Amino acid sequence: MRQRRRLELLKDYDLTILYHPGKANVVADARSRKSVENLVTAITSQPLLQKEMQRFGLEVVAPEVVTILAALVVRPTLLERIKERQVDDSYLQKVWDNIDGGRAGDFGVGSDGALRFRNRLCVPKDDEVRKMKDMGKFVAQCLTCQQVKTERRFPAEKLQSLPIPVWKWEDIAMDFVVGLP
């Protein structure tokens, strides 16, 4: 639908769209692309965008090698924080010792290096990390989650109309509307 709307807009203009494969498109060169520092500066200079990214546990990380001309890496830091705090937790430290001793049970180490129980991430007893992992709060703040969330109540019934009175003032009904802003 979006493409159709754009085509409807463009059909009024006299233009020709030509496709050039990547090798043949020599117009876009290194001078016309933005560098990593400019992208990072553009994002970090906007406090509202930074606040929104922090709310979702994201941070801007500039790559160490600046040979990439236009790259921006946005990655969640929650997993890294959980892995750091797993080492400090006394209970999870015992689990690590059991894994090293060959008595792991249902515990194991995932491909990302984090401790897992039946392929689920072990979150340490750290209030800061647990606040970030609170799914109810995350779903309440996530726009996508709110849009796809299913309705958990029965659909409203059809309205029942009042019977038509036979005589004037036979039935008197009042609706009290409360809770308006």
N, C-alpha and C. Protein backbone atom coordinates (compact mmCIF):
# COMPACT_ATOMS: atom_id res chain seq x y z
N MET A 1 0.83 -1.19 0.00
CA MET A 1 0.00 0.00 0.00
C MET A 1 0.87 1.26 0.00
N ARG A 2 1.97 1.22 0.73
CA ARG A 2 2.85 2.38 0.80
C ARG A 2 3.47 2.64 -0.57
N GLN A 3 3.91 1.55 -1.24
CA GLN A 3 4.52 1.71 -2.57
C GLN A 3 3.49 2.22 -3.57
N ARG A 4 2.28 1.71 -3.46
CA ARG A 4 1.24 2.15 -4.38
C ARG A 4 0.95 3.65 -4.18
N ARG A 5 0.92 4.10 -2.92
CA ARG A 5 0.68 5.51 -2.64
C ARG A 5 1.80 6.38 -3.21
N ARG A 6 3.04 5.91 -3.08
CA ARG A 6 4.16 6.66 -3.63
C ARG A 6 4.12 6.69 -5.15
N LEU A 7 3.74 5.57 -5.77
CA LEU A 7 3.64 5.54 -7.23
C LEU A 7 2.54 6.48 -7.72
N GLU A 8 1.43 6.56 -6.96
CA GLU A 8 0.36 7.48 -7.33
C GLU A 8 0.86 8.93 -7.30
N LEU A 9 1.71 9.23 -6.33
CA LEU A 9 2.28 10.57 -6.23
C LEU A 9 3.25 10.84 -7.38
N LEU A 10 4.10 9.85 -7.70
CA LEU A 10 5.14 10.05 -8.71
C LEU A 10 4.62 10.02 -10.14
N LYS A 11 3.44 9.44 -10.37
CA LYS A 11 2.97 9.30 -11.75
C LYS A 11 2.61 10.65 -12.39
N ASP A 12 2.40 11.67 -11.56
CA ASP A 12 2.08 12.99 -12.10
C ASP A 12 3.30 13.73 -12.63
N TYR A 13 4.49 13.23 -12.32
CA TYR A 13 5.73 13.88 -12.74
C TYR A 13 6.32 13.15 -13.93
N ASP A 14 7.04 13.93 -14.76
CA ASP A 14 7.72 13.35 -15.91
C ASP A 14 9.14 12.98 -15.47
N LEU A 15 9.34 11.72 -15.14
CA LEU A 15 10.65 11.29 -14.68
C LEU A 15 10.91 9.87 -15.12
N THR A 16 12.19 9.50 -15.07
CA THR A 16 12.62 8.16 -15.42
C THR A 16 13.49 7.64 -14.29
N ILE A 17 13.17 6.46 -13.80
CA ILE A 17 13.94 5.84 -12.73
C ILE A 17 14.79 4.75 -13.36
N LEU A 18 16.11 4.86 -13.21
CA LEU A 18 17.02 3.88 -13.76
C LEU A 18 17.77 3.20 -12.63
N TYR A 19 17.91 1.90 -12.70
CA TYR A 19 18.63 1.15 -11.69
C TYR A 19 20.07 0.95 -12.14
N HIS A 20 21.02 1.22 -11.26
CA HIS A 20 22.43 0.98 -11.53
C HIS A 20 22.93 0.00 -10.47
N PRO A 21 23.51 -1.13 -10.87
CA PRO A 21 24.07 -2.04 -9.88
C PRO A 21 25.19 -1.36 -9.10
N GLY A 22 25.55 -1.93 -7.97
CA GLY A 22 26.54 -1.32 -7.08
C GLY A 22 27.85 -0.98 -7.75
N LYS A 23 28.36 -1.88 -8.63
CA LYS A 23 29.65 -1.62 -9.28
C LYS A 23 29.54 -0.47 -10.28
N ALA A 24 28.41 -0.36 -10.92
CA ALA A 24 28.26 0.67 -11.95
C ALA A 24 27.91 2.03 -11.36
N ASN A 25 27.43 2.06 -10.13
CA ASN A 25 27.05 3.32 -9.50
C ASN A 25 28.28 3.97 -8.88
N VAL A 26 29.00 4.75 -9.68
CA VAL A 26 30.25 5.36 -9.23
C VAL A 26 30.04 6.76 -8.67
N VAL A 27 28.80 7.26 -8.69
CA VAL A 27 28.54 8.61 -8.19
C VAL A 27 28.73 8.66 -6.68
N ALA A 28 28.26 7.65 -5.98
CA ALA A 28 28.40 7.62 -4.53
C ALA A 28 29.82 7.18 -4.19
N ASP A 29 30.63 8.13 -3.76
CA ASP A 29 32.00 7.81 -3.40
C ASP A 29 32.22 8.15 -1.92
N ALA A 30 33.45 8.04 -1.48
CA ALA A 30 33.78 8.24 -0.06
C ALA A 30 33.48 9.66 0.40
N ARG A 31 33.60 10.63 -0.48
CA ARG A 31 33.36 12.02 -0.08
C ARG A 31 31.89 12.30 0.14
N SER A 32 31.01 11.54 -0.50
CA SER A 32 29.59 11.80 -0.35
C SER A 32 28.98 11.04 0.82
N ARG A 33 29.75 10.22 1.50
CA ARG A 33 29.24 9.46 2.63
C ARG A 33 29.67 10.11 3.94
N LYS A 34 28.87 9.89 4.96
CA LYS A 34 29.18 10.47 6.27
C LYS A 34 30.09 9.53 7.03
N SER A 35 30.97 10.09 7.81
CA SER A 35 31.89 9.26 8.59
C SER A 35 31.23 8.82 9.88
N VAL A 36 31.84 7.87 10.57
CA VAL A 36 31.31 7.32 11.81
C VAL A 36 31.23 8.40 12.88
N GLU A 37 32.26 9.26 12.95
CA GLU A 37 32.26 10.30 13.98
C GLU A 37 31.08 11.24 13.79
N ASN A 38 30.76 11.57 12.54
CA ASN A 38 29.63 12.46 12.29
C ASN A 38 28.32 11.81 12.70
N LEU A 39 28.18 10.52 12.42
CA LEU A 39 26.96 9.83 12.81
C LEU A 39 26.82 9.75 14.32
N VAL A 40 27.91 9.40 15.00
CA VAL A 40 27.87 9.31 16.46
C VAL A 40 27.58 10.67 17.06
N THR A 41 28.22 11.73 16.53
CA THR A 41 27.99 13.08 17.03
C THR A 41 26.54 13.50 16.80
N ALA A 42 25.99 13.15 15.64
CA ALA A 42 24.62 13.53 15.34
C ALA A 42 23.64 12.87 16.31
N ILE A 43 23.91 11.64 16.69
CA ILE A 43 23.00 10.94 17.60
C ILE A 43 23.22 11.39 19.04
N THR A 44 24.46 11.53 19.45
CA THR A 44 24.73 11.90 20.84
C THR A 44 24.41 13.35 21.13
N SER A 45 24.23 14.19 20.12
CA SER A 45 23.88 15.59 20.35
C SER A 45 22.38 15.78 20.56
N GLN A 46 21.60 14.72 20.47
CA GLN A 46 20.16 14.82 20.65
C GLN A 46 19.78 14.16 21.97
N PRO A 47 19.49 14.94 23.00
CA PRO A 47 19.22 14.36 24.32
C PRO A 47 17.95 13.53 24.37
N LEU A 48 16.94 13.89 23.59
CA LEU A 48 15.70 13.10 23.60
C LEU A 48 15.93 11.71 23.03
N LEU A 49 16.72 11.64 21.97
CA LEU A 49 17.04 10.34 21.38
C LEU A 49 17.88 9.50 22.33
N GLN A 50 18.82 10.13 23.03
CA GLN A 50 19.63 9.40 24.01
C GLN A 50 18.76 8.86 25.14
N LYS A 51 17.83 9.67 25.62
CA LYS A 51 16.94 9.24 26.71
C LYS A 51 16.09 8.05 26.26
N GLU A 52 15.58 8.11 25.04
CA GLU A 52 14.76 7.01 24.50
C GLU A 52 15.59 5.74 24.35
N MET A 53 16.83 5.89 23.91
CA MET A 53 17.70 4.71 23.76
C MET A 53 18.05 4.12 25.11
N GLN A 54 18.29 4.97 26.12
CA GLN A 54 18.59 4.47 27.46
C GLN A 54 17.40 3.75 28.06
N ARG A 55 16.19 4.21 27.74
CA ARG A 55 14.99 3.57 28.26
C ARG A 55 14.89 2.13 27.77
N PHE A 56 15.35 1.86 26.57
CA PHE A 56 15.32 0.51 26.03
C PHE A 56 16.62 -0.23 26.23
N GLY A 57 17.55 0.35 26.98
CA GLY A 57 18.81 -0.33 27.28
C GLY A 57 19.76 -0.37 26.10
N LEU A 58 19.73 0.65 25.25
CA LEU A 58 20.61 0.70 24.08
C LEU A 58 21.63 1.82 24.27
N GLU A 59 22.79 1.65 23.68
CA GLU A 59 23.79 2.69 23.70
C GLU A 59 24.51 2.72 22.36
N VAL A 60 25.08 3.87 22.04
CA VAL A 60 25.81 4.05 20.78
C VAL A 60 27.26 3.68 21.03
N VAL A 61 27.77 2.78 20.22
CA VAL A 61 29.15 2.34 20.35
C VAL A 61 29.84 2.62 19.02
N ALA A 62 30.87 3.47 19.05
CA ALA A 62 31.64 3.75 17.84
C ALA A 62 32.66 2.64 17.66
N PRO A 63 32.80 2.10 16.45
CA PRO A 63 33.78 1.04 16.23
C PRO A 63 35.20 1.54 16.43
N GLU A 64 36.11 0.63 16.85
CA GLU A 64 37.49 1.00 17.11
C GLU A 64 38.22 1.33 15.82
N VAL A 65 37.94 0.59 14.77
CA VAL A 65 38.60 0.81 13.49
C VAL A 65 37.72 1.73 12.66
N VAL A 66 38.26 2.82 12.18
CA VAL A 66 37.48 3.81 11.47
C VAL A 66 37.57 3.63 9.96
N THR A 67 37.86 2.42 9.51
CA THR A 67 37.92 2.18 8.07
C THR A 67 36.53 2.08 7.48
N ILE A 68 35.54 1.77 8.29
CA ILE A 68 34.16 1.73 7.81
C ILE A 68 33.69 3.17 7.71
N LEU A 69 33.16 3.55 6.56
CA LEU A 69 32.83 4.95 6.35
C LEU A 69 31.48 5.33 6.94
N ALA A 70 30.51 4.47 6.88
CA ALA A 70 29.19 4.81 7.41
C ALA A 70 28.67 3.63 8.19
N ALA A 71 29.01 3.56 9.45
CA ALA A 71 28.55 2.45 10.27
C ALA A 71 28.16 2.96 11.63
N LEU A 72 27.10 2.45 12.15
CA LEU A 72 26.65 2.79 13.48
C LEU A 72 26.16 1.51 14.11
N VAL A 73 26.71 1.16 15.23
CA VAL A 73 26.35 -0.08 15.90
C VAL A 73 25.49 0.27 17.10
N VAL A 74 24.27 -0.23 17.13
CA VAL A 74 23.39 -0.08 18.27
C VAL A 74 23.12 -1.47 18.78
N ARG A 75 23.49 -1.71 20.02
CA ARG A 75 23.33 -3.05 20.55
C ARG A 75 22.79 -2.96 21.97
N PRO A 76 22.02 -3.92 22.39
CA PRO A 76 21.51 -3.89 23.76
C PRO A 76 22.62 -4.20 24.74
N THR A 77 22.67 -3.47 25.82
CA THR A 77 23.71 -3.68 26.81
C THR A 77 23.22 -4.53 27.97
N LEU A 78 21.97 -4.93 27.94
CA LEU A 78 21.43 -5.71 29.05
C LEU A 78 22.15 -7.04 29.19
N LEU A 79 22.41 -7.74 28.08
CA LEU A 79 23.08 -9.03 28.15
C LEU A 79 24.48 -8.90 28.72
N GLU A 80 25.21 -7.84 28.31
CA GLU A 80 26.55 -7.64 28.85
C GLU A 80 26.51 -7.37 30.35
N ARG A 81 25.53 -6.57 30.78
CA ARG A 81 25.41 -6.27 32.20
C ARG A 81 25.06 -7.53 32.99
N ILE A 82 24.21 -8.37 32.43
CA ILE A 82 23.84 -9.61 33.13
C ILE A 82 25.06 -10.52 33.24
N LYS A 83 25.85 -10.62 32.16
CA LYS A 83 27.05 -11.47 32.22
C LYS A 83 28.05 -10.95 33.24
N GLU A 84 28.20 -9.62 33.34
CA GLU A 84 29.12 -9.05 34.33
C GLU A 84 28.65 -9.34 35.75
N ARG A 85 27.34 -9.23 35.97
CA ARG A 85 26.81 -9.41 37.32
C ARG A 85 26.68 -10.89 37.70
N GLN A 86 26.68 -11.80 36.73
CA GLN A 86 26.63 -13.23 37.04
C GLN A 86 27.87 -13.66 37.82
N VAL A 87 28.99 -13.03 37.54
CA VAL A 87 30.24 -13.38 38.23
C VAL A 87 30.18 -12.96 39.69
N ASP A 88 29.48 -11.87 40.00
CA ASP A 88 29.43 -11.35 41.36
C ASP A 88 28.41 -12.06 42.24
N ASP A 89 27.43 -12.75 41.66
CA ASP A 89 26.38 -13.41 42.43
C ASP A 89 26.95 -14.68 43.09
N SER A 90 26.71 -14.84 44.40
CA SER A 90 27.29 -15.98 45.13
C SER A 90 26.66 -17.30 44.70
N TYR A 91 25.33 -17.32 44.50
CA TYR A 91 24.69 -18.57 44.09
C TYR A 91 25.15 -19.00 42.70
N LEU A 92 25.19 -18.04 41.79
CA LEU A 92 25.62 -18.37 40.43
C LEU A 92 27.10 -18.73 40.38
N GLN A 93 27.87 -18.22 41.33
CA GLN A 93 29.28 -18.61 41.41
C GLN A 93 29.41 -20.09 41.75
N LYS A 94 28.53 -20.58 42.65
CA LYS A 94 28.52 -22.01 42.99
C LYS A 94 28.13 -22.84 41.76
N VAL A 95 27.19 -22.32 40.98
CA VAL A 95 26.77 -23.03 39.76
C VAL A 95 27.93 -23.11 38.78
N TRP A 96 28.70 -21.99 38.65
CA TRP A 96 29.88 -22.01 37.77
C TRP A 96 30.87 -23.07 38.24
N ASP A 97 31.05 -23.17 39.57
CA ASP A 97 31.97 -24.18 40.10
C ASP A 97 31.48 -25.59 39.79
N ASN A 98 30.16 -25.80 39.88
CA ASN A 98 29.59 -27.11 39.55
C ASN A 98 29.78 -27.44 38.07
N ILE A 99 29.66 -26.44 37.21
CA ILE A 99 29.86 -26.67 35.77
C ILE A 99 31.32 -27.05 35.52
N ASP A 100 32.24 -26.35 36.19
CA ASP A 100 33.67 -26.67 36.02
C ASP A 100 33.98 -28.07 36.55
N GLY A 101 33.24 -28.50 37.59
CA GLY A 101 33.47 -29.83 38.16
C GLY A 101 32.73 -30.94 37.44
N GLY A 102 31.94 -30.59 36.45
CA GLY A 102 31.23 -31.62 35.67
C GLY A 102 29.88 -31.99 36.27
N ARG A 103 29.38 -31.24 37.25
CA ARG A 103 28.08 -31.51 37.87
C ARG A 103 27.10 -30.41 37.50
N ALA A 104 26.94 -30.13 36.24
CA ALA A 104 26.15 -28.98 35.79
C ALA A 104 24.66 -29.19 35.95
N GLY A 105 24.16 -30.39 35.72
CA GLY A 105 22.72 -30.62 35.76
C GLY A 105 22.05 -29.94 34.57
N ASP A 106 21.05 -29.09 34.87
CA ASP A 106 20.34 -28.37 33.81
C ASP A 106 21.00 -27.06 33.44
N PHE A 107 22.08 -26.70 34.13
CA PHE A 107 22.78 -25.45 33.85
C PHE A 107 23.80 -25.67 32.74
N GLY A 108 24.09 -24.60 32.03
CA GLY A 108 25.10 -24.66 30.98
C GLY A 108 25.51 -23.26 30.58
N VAL A 109 26.51 -23.19 29.73
CA VAL A 109 27.00 -21.91 29.23
C VAL A 109 26.55 -21.78 27.78
N GLY A 110 25.88 -20.66 27.48
CA GLY A 110 25.38 -20.43 26.13
C GLY A 110 26.48 -20.03 25.18
N SER A 111 26.12 -19.89 23.91
CA SER A 111 27.10 -19.51 22.90
C SER A 111 27.60 -18.08 23.11
N ASP A 112 26.83 -17.28 23.85
CA ASP A 112 27.25 -15.91 24.14
C ASP A 112 28.10 -15.81 25.40
N GLY A 113 28.35 -16.94 26.07
CA GLY A 113 29.19 -16.95 27.26
C GLY A 113 28.43 -16.69 28.55
N ALA A 114 27.12 -16.62 28.49
CA ALA A 114 26.31 -16.36 29.68
C ALA A 114 25.82 -17.67 30.27
N LEU A 115 25.62 -17.67 31.57
CA LEU A 115 25.13 -18.85 32.28
C LEU A 115 23.63 -19.00 32.00
N ARG A 116 23.24 -20.23 31.67
CA ARG A 116 21.84 -20.48 31.33
C ARG A 116 21.33 -21.71 32.07
N PHE A 117 20.03 -21.71 32.36
CA PHE A 117 19.35 -22.83 32.97
C PHE A 117 18.29 -23.30 31.99
N ARG A 118 18.47 -24.52 31.48
CA ARG A 118 17.57 -25.07 30.44
C ARG A 118 17.40 -24.09 29.29
N ASN A 119 18.50 -23.56 28.83
CA ASN A 119 18.57 -22.62 27.71
C ASN A 119 17.88 -21.28 27.99
N ARG A 120 17.66 -20.97 29.29
CA ARG A 120 17.13 -19.67 29.68
C ARG A 120 18.21 -18.92 30.45
N LEU A 121 18.28 -17.63 30.21
CA LEU A 121 19.31 -16.80 30.81
C LEU A 121 19.11 -16.69 32.32
N CYS A 122 20.19 -16.89 33.09
CA CYS A 122 20.14 -16.77 34.55
C CYS A 122 20.41 -15.31 34.91
N VAL A 123 19.41 -14.65 35.50
CA VAL A 123 19.54 -13.26 35.90
C VAL A 123 19.96 -13.23 37.36
N PRO A 124 21.07 -12.58 37.70
CA PRO A 124 21.54 -12.56 39.09
C PRO A 124 20.63 -11.72 39.98
N LYS A 125 20.79 -11.89 41.29
CA LYS A 125 20.00 -11.12 42.25
C LYS A 125 20.63 -9.74 42.41
N ASP A 126 20.39 -8.90 41.45
CA ASP A 126 20.88 -7.54 41.44
C ASP A 126 19.70 -6.65 41.09
N ASP A 127 19.36 -5.71 41.98
CA ASP A 127 18.17 -4.89 41.77
C ASP A 127 18.24 -4.07 40.49
N GLU A 128 19.42 -3.55 40.16
CA GLU A 128 19.55 -2.74 38.96
C GLU A 128 19.26 -3.54 37.70
N VAL A 129 19.79 -4.75 37.63
CA VAL A 129 19.57 -5.60 36.46
C VAL A 129 18.13 -6.08 36.41
N ARG A 130 17.57 -6.42 37.55
CA ARG A 130 16.19 -6.91 37.56
C ARG A 130 15.19 -5.84 37.17
N LYS A 131 15.48 -4.58 37.50
CA LYS A 131 14.60 -3.50 37.06
C LYS A 131 14.59 -3.41 35.54
N MET A 132 15.78 -3.59 34.91
CA MET A 132 15.87 -3.53 33.45
C MET A 132 15.16 -4.73 32.83
N LYS A 133 15.10 -5.87 33.55
CA LYS A 133 14.55 -7.11 33.01
C LYS A 133 13.06 -7.23 33.29
N ASP A 134 12.45 -6.23 33.97
CA ASP A 134 11.04 -6.29 34.32
C ASP A 134 10.20 -6.24 33.03
N MET A 135 9.62 -7.34 32.66
CA MET A 135 8.92 -7.44 31.37
C MET A 135 7.63 -6.63 31.35
N GLY A 136 6.94 -6.54 32.49
CA GLY A 136 5.71 -5.75 32.51
C GLY A 136 5.97 -4.30 32.18
N LYS A 137 7.03 -3.75 32.76
CA LYS A 137 7.39 -2.36 32.50
C LYS A 137 7.86 -2.19 31.06
N PHE A 138 8.62 -3.18 30.56
CA PHE A 138 9.11 -3.11 29.19
C PHE A 138 7.95 -3.11 28.20
N VAL A 139 6.98 -4.00 28.41
CA VAL A 139 5.83 -4.08 27.51
C VAL A 139 5.00 -2.81 27.60
N ALA A 140 4.89 -2.25 28.81
CA ALA A 140 4.10 -1.03 28.98
C ALA A 140 4.73 0.14 28.25
N GLN A 141 6.05 0.16 28.09
CA GLN A 141 6.74 1.26 27.44
C GLN A 141 6.98 1.04 25.95
N CYS A 142 6.86 -0.19 25.49
CA CYS A 142 7.20 -0.52 24.10
C CYS A 142 5.99 -0.26 23.20
N LEU A 143 6.16 0.59 22.20
CA LEU A 143 5.07 0.93 21.29
C LEU A 143 4.64 -0.28 20.47
N THR A 144 5.60 -1.05 19.98
CA THR A 144 5.28 -2.23 19.17
C THR A 144 4.51 -3.26 19.99
N CYS A 145 4.94 -3.45 21.26
CA CYS A 145 4.25 -4.41 22.12
C CYS A 145 2.81 -3.97 22.37
N GLN A 146 2.58 -2.67 22.51
CA GLN A 146 1.24 -2.17 22.75
C GLN A 146 0.35 -2.35 21.52
N GLN A 147 0.94 -2.23 20.34
CA GLN A 147 0.14 -2.34 19.12
C GLN A 147 -0.27 -3.77 18.81
N VAL A 148 0.57 -4.75 19.17
CA VAL A 148 0.25 -6.14 18.83
C VAL A 148 -0.31 -6.92 20.01
N LYS A 149 -0.48 -6.25 21.15
CA LYS A 149 -0.99 -6.94 22.33
C LYS A 149 -2.45 -7.33 22.11
N THR A 150 -2.79 -8.58 22.45
CA THR A 150 -4.14 -9.05 22.24
C THR A 150 -5.05 -8.62 23.37
N GLU A 151 -6.32 -8.49 23.08
CA GLU A 151 -7.31 -8.10 24.08
C GLU A 151 -7.63 -9.30 24.95
N ARG A 152 -7.61 -9.13 26.27
CA ARG A 152 -7.79 -10.24 27.20
C ARG A 152 -9.14 -10.25 27.90
N ARG A 153 -10.13 -9.63 27.31
CA ARG A 153 -11.46 -9.64 27.94
C ARG A 153 -12.51 -9.98 26.89
N PHE A 154 -13.69 -10.33 27.38
CA PHE A 154 -14.76 -10.70 26.47
C PHE A 154 -15.22 -9.47 25.69
N PRO A 155 -15.63 -9.68 24.44
CA PRO A 155 -16.12 -8.54 23.67
C PRO A 155 -17.42 -8.01 24.28
N ALA A 156 -17.62 -6.71 24.12
CA ALA A 156 -18.81 -6.09 24.69
C ALA A 156 -20.07 -6.62 24.00
N GLU A 157 -21.12 -6.75 24.78
CA GLU A 157 -22.40 -7.22 24.24
C GLU A 157 -23.08 -6.10 23.46
N LYS A 158 -24.07 -6.48 22.68
CA LYS A 158 -24.86 -5.48 21.97
C LYS A 158 -25.69 -4.70 22.99
N LEU A 159 -25.89 -3.43 22.70
CA LEU A 159 -26.67 -2.60 23.61
C LEU A 159 -28.14 -3.00 23.55
N GLN A 160 -28.78 -3.04 24.70
CA GLN A 160 -30.19 -3.37 24.79
C GLN A 160 -30.99 -2.07 24.90
N SER A 161 -31.90 -1.86 23.99
CA SER A 161 -32.69 -0.63 24.04
C SER A 161 -33.81 -0.78 25.07
N LEU A 162 -34.21 0.34 25.63
CA LEU A 162 -35.30 0.34 26.61
C LEU A 162 -36.63 0.13 25.90
N PRO A 163 -37.59 -0.49 26.58
CA PRO A 163 -38.90 -0.66 25.94
C PRO A 163 -39.57 0.70 25.73
N ILE A 164 -40.37 0.79 24.69
CA ILE A 164 -41.05 2.04 24.36
C ILE A 164 -42.20 2.22 25.35
N PRO A 165 -42.25 3.36 26.07
CA PRO A 165 -43.33 3.54 27.05
C PRO A 165 -44.69 3.73 26.37
N VAL A 166 -45.72 3.34 27.08
CA VAL A 166 -47.08 3.48 26.55
C VAL A 166 -47.62 4.87 26.86
N TRP A 167 -47.29 5.41 27.98
CA TRP A 167 -47.81 6.70 28.42
C TRP A 167 -46.65 7.63 28.77
N LYS A 168 -46.87 8.95 28.71
CA LYS A 168 -45.85 9.92 29.03
C LYS A 168 -45.41 9.76 30.47
N TRP A 169 -44.14 9.95 30.72
CA TRP A 169 -43.52 9.91 32.04
C TRP A 169 -43.72 8.57 32.74
N GLU A 170 -43.97 7.53 31.96
CA GLU A 170 -44.15 6.21 32.57
C GLU A 170 -42.81 5.67 33.08
N ASP A 171 -41.77 5.83 32.28
CA ASP A 171 -40.42 5.42 32.68
C ASP A 171 -39.50 6.63 32.62
N ILE A 172 -38.74 6.81 33.68
CA ILE A 172 -37.74 7.87 33.73
C ILE A 172 -36.40 7.21 34.00
N ALA A 173 -35.42 7.50 33.17
CA ALA A 173 -34.09 6.92 33.32
C ALA A 173 -33.06 8.04 33.32
N MET A 174 -32.04 7.88 34.14
CA MET A 174 -30.96 8.86 34.19
C MET A 174 -29.63 8.12 34.13
N ASP A 175 -28.70 8.69 33.42
CA ASP A 175 -27.35 8.16 33.35
C ASP A 175 -26.42 9.12 34.09
N PHE A 176 -25.68 8.59 35.03
CA PHE A 176 -24.71 9.39 35.75
C PHE A 176 -23.33 9.10 35.16
N VAL A 177 -22.78 10.10 34.51
CA VAL A 177 -21.48 9.95 33.90
C VAL A 177 -20.44 10.47 34.89
N VAL A 178 -19.53 9.58 35.32
CA VAL A 178 -18.51 9.97 36.28
C VAL A 178 -17.13 9.65 35.72
N GLY A 179 -16.13 10.25 36.31
CA GLY A 179 -14.76 9.93 35.93
C GLY A 179 -14.27 10.65 34.69
N LEU A 180 -14.96 11.73 34.29
CA LEU A 180 -14.50 12.49 33.13
C LEU A 180 -13.31 13.33 33.51
N PRO A 181 -12.43 13.63 32.57
CA PRO A 181 -11.27 14.47 32.90
C PRO A 181 -11.68 15.90 33.21
